[in-house]
Amino acid sequence: MGLFRNLFKSSFENWIESASDEELSDGYEERRQQWMKDGFGGNGEKTPEMKRINSEMSKRTAEKWEKDPKRNTDPNFRWTDANRWDKD
């Protein structure tokens, strides 16, 4: 079934799935520059391609954060606690 689905994916979708993080960022910036030149789409709404790239970049960032062994997994931890001068 997966191979069948891949046959019908657009070249854009295939690019998104295989592109590196840097390539996605560069692709987004290229589209953003063109979007600004074209008058922000007339209504300020980002293009579907920009939204899709942004979504993929966000997903990858969240996955990296989840896998980060240094992150604090304590649900009661507040980032301000790490910088308190008067620690208990």
Protein backbone atom coordinates (compact mmCIF):
# COMPACT_ATOMS: atom_id res chain seq x y z
CA MET A 1 0.00 0.00 0.00
CA GLY A 2 2.86 2.42 0.81
CA LEU A 3 4.39 2.04 -2.64
CA PHE A 4 0.98 2.65 -4.22
CA ARG A 5 0.58 5.88 -2.23
CA ASN A 6 4.06 7.08 -3.23
CA LEU A 7 3.15 6.83 -6.90
CA PHE A 8 0.47 9.46 -6.48
CA LYS A 9 2.40 11.88 -4.29
CA SER A 10 3.40 15.12 -5.91
CA SER A 11 7.04 15.86 -6.55
CA PHE A 12 6.69 18.61 -3.94
CA GLU A 13 5.58 16.11 -1.27
CA ASN A 14 8.38 13.75 -2.21
CA TRP A 15 10.85 16.63 -1.93
CA ILE A 16 9.54 17.59 1.52
CA GLU A 17 9.96 14.05 2.83
CA SER A 18 13.48 13.63 1.46
CA ALA A 19 14.87 17.16 1.98
CA SER A 20 17.29 17.95 4.78
CA ASP A 21 16.37 20.51 7.42
CA GLU A 22 18.61 23.06 5.71
CA GLU A 23 17.02 22.41 2.31
CA LEU A 24 13.56 22.89 3.83
CA SER A 25 14.63 26.15 5.43
CA ASP A 26 16.16 27.40 2.18
CA GLY A 27 13.07 26.33 0.21
CA TYR A 28 10.79 28.13 2.65
CA GLU A 29 12.89 31.31 2.49
CA GLU A 30 12.90 31.24 -1.31
CA ARG A 31 9.12 30.96 -1.39
CA ARG A 32 8.78 33.65 1.30
CA GLN A 33 10.88 36.10 -0.71
CA GLN A 34 8.74 35.47 -3.81
CA TRP A 35 5.55 35.78 -1.73
CA MET A 36 6.71 39.20 -0.47
CA LYS A 37 7.58 40.35 -4.02
CA ASP A 38 4.11 39.29 -5.16
CA GLY A 39 2.45 41.48 -2.53
CA PHE A 40 1.94 38.94 0.26
CA GLY A 41 -0.61 36.98 -1.75
CA GLY A 42 -2.96 39.95 -1.77
CA ASN A 43 -4.34 39.13 1.66
CA GLY A 44 -1.27 38.25 3.71
CA GLU A 45 -2.15 34.55 3.68
CA LYS A 46 0.85 32.26 3.27
CA THR A 47 0.88 29.97 0.25
CA PRO A 48 -0.07 26.31 0.68
CA GLU A 49 3.54 25.32 -0.06
CA MET A 50 4.83 27.67 2.66
CA LYS A 51 2.32 26.25 5.14
CA ARG A 52 3.28 22.68 4.28
CA ILE A 53 7.02 23.36 4.61
CA ASN A 54 6.44 25.16 7.91
CA SER A 55 4.39 22.24 9.17
CA GLU A 56 7.14 19.77 8.27
CA MET A 57 9.83 21.90 9.91
CA SER A 58 7.73 22.16 13.09
CA LYS A 59 7.14 18.41 13.14
CA ARG A 60 10.86 17.68 12.79
CA THR A 61 11.75 20.16 15.53
CA ALA A 62 9.22 18.56 17.90
CA GLU A 63 10.62 15.10 17.15
CA LYS A 64 14.17 16.28 17.86
CA TRP A 65 13.04 17.82 21.13
CA GLU A 66 11.25 14.61 22.19
CA LYS A 67 14.42 12.60 21.54
CA ASP A 68 16.78 15.07 23.25
CA PRO A 69 18.38 13.20 26.16
CA LYS A 70 19.23 16.48 27.92
CA ARG A 71 15.70 17.82 28.19
CA ASN A 72 14.05 17.86 31.58
CA THR A 73 11.13 15.46 31.62
CA ASP A 74 9.88 16.50 35.07
CA PRO A 75 6.33 17.84 34.50
CA ASN A 76 6.64 20.09 37.56
CA PHE A 77 9.85 21.75 36.39
CA ARG A 78 9.64 25.40 35.40
CA TRP A 79 12.43 26.88 33.29
CA THR A 80 12.65 29.76 35.77
CA ASP A 81 13.61 27.30 38.52
CA ALA A 82 16.92 26.57 36.81
CA ASN A 83 17.98 30.19 37.08
CA ARG A 84 16.86 31.02 40.59
CA TRP A 85 19.42 32.76 42.77
CA ASP A 86 17.93 31.63 46.03
CA LYS A 87 17.71 27.90 45.56
CA ASP A 88 16.01 26.02 48.35
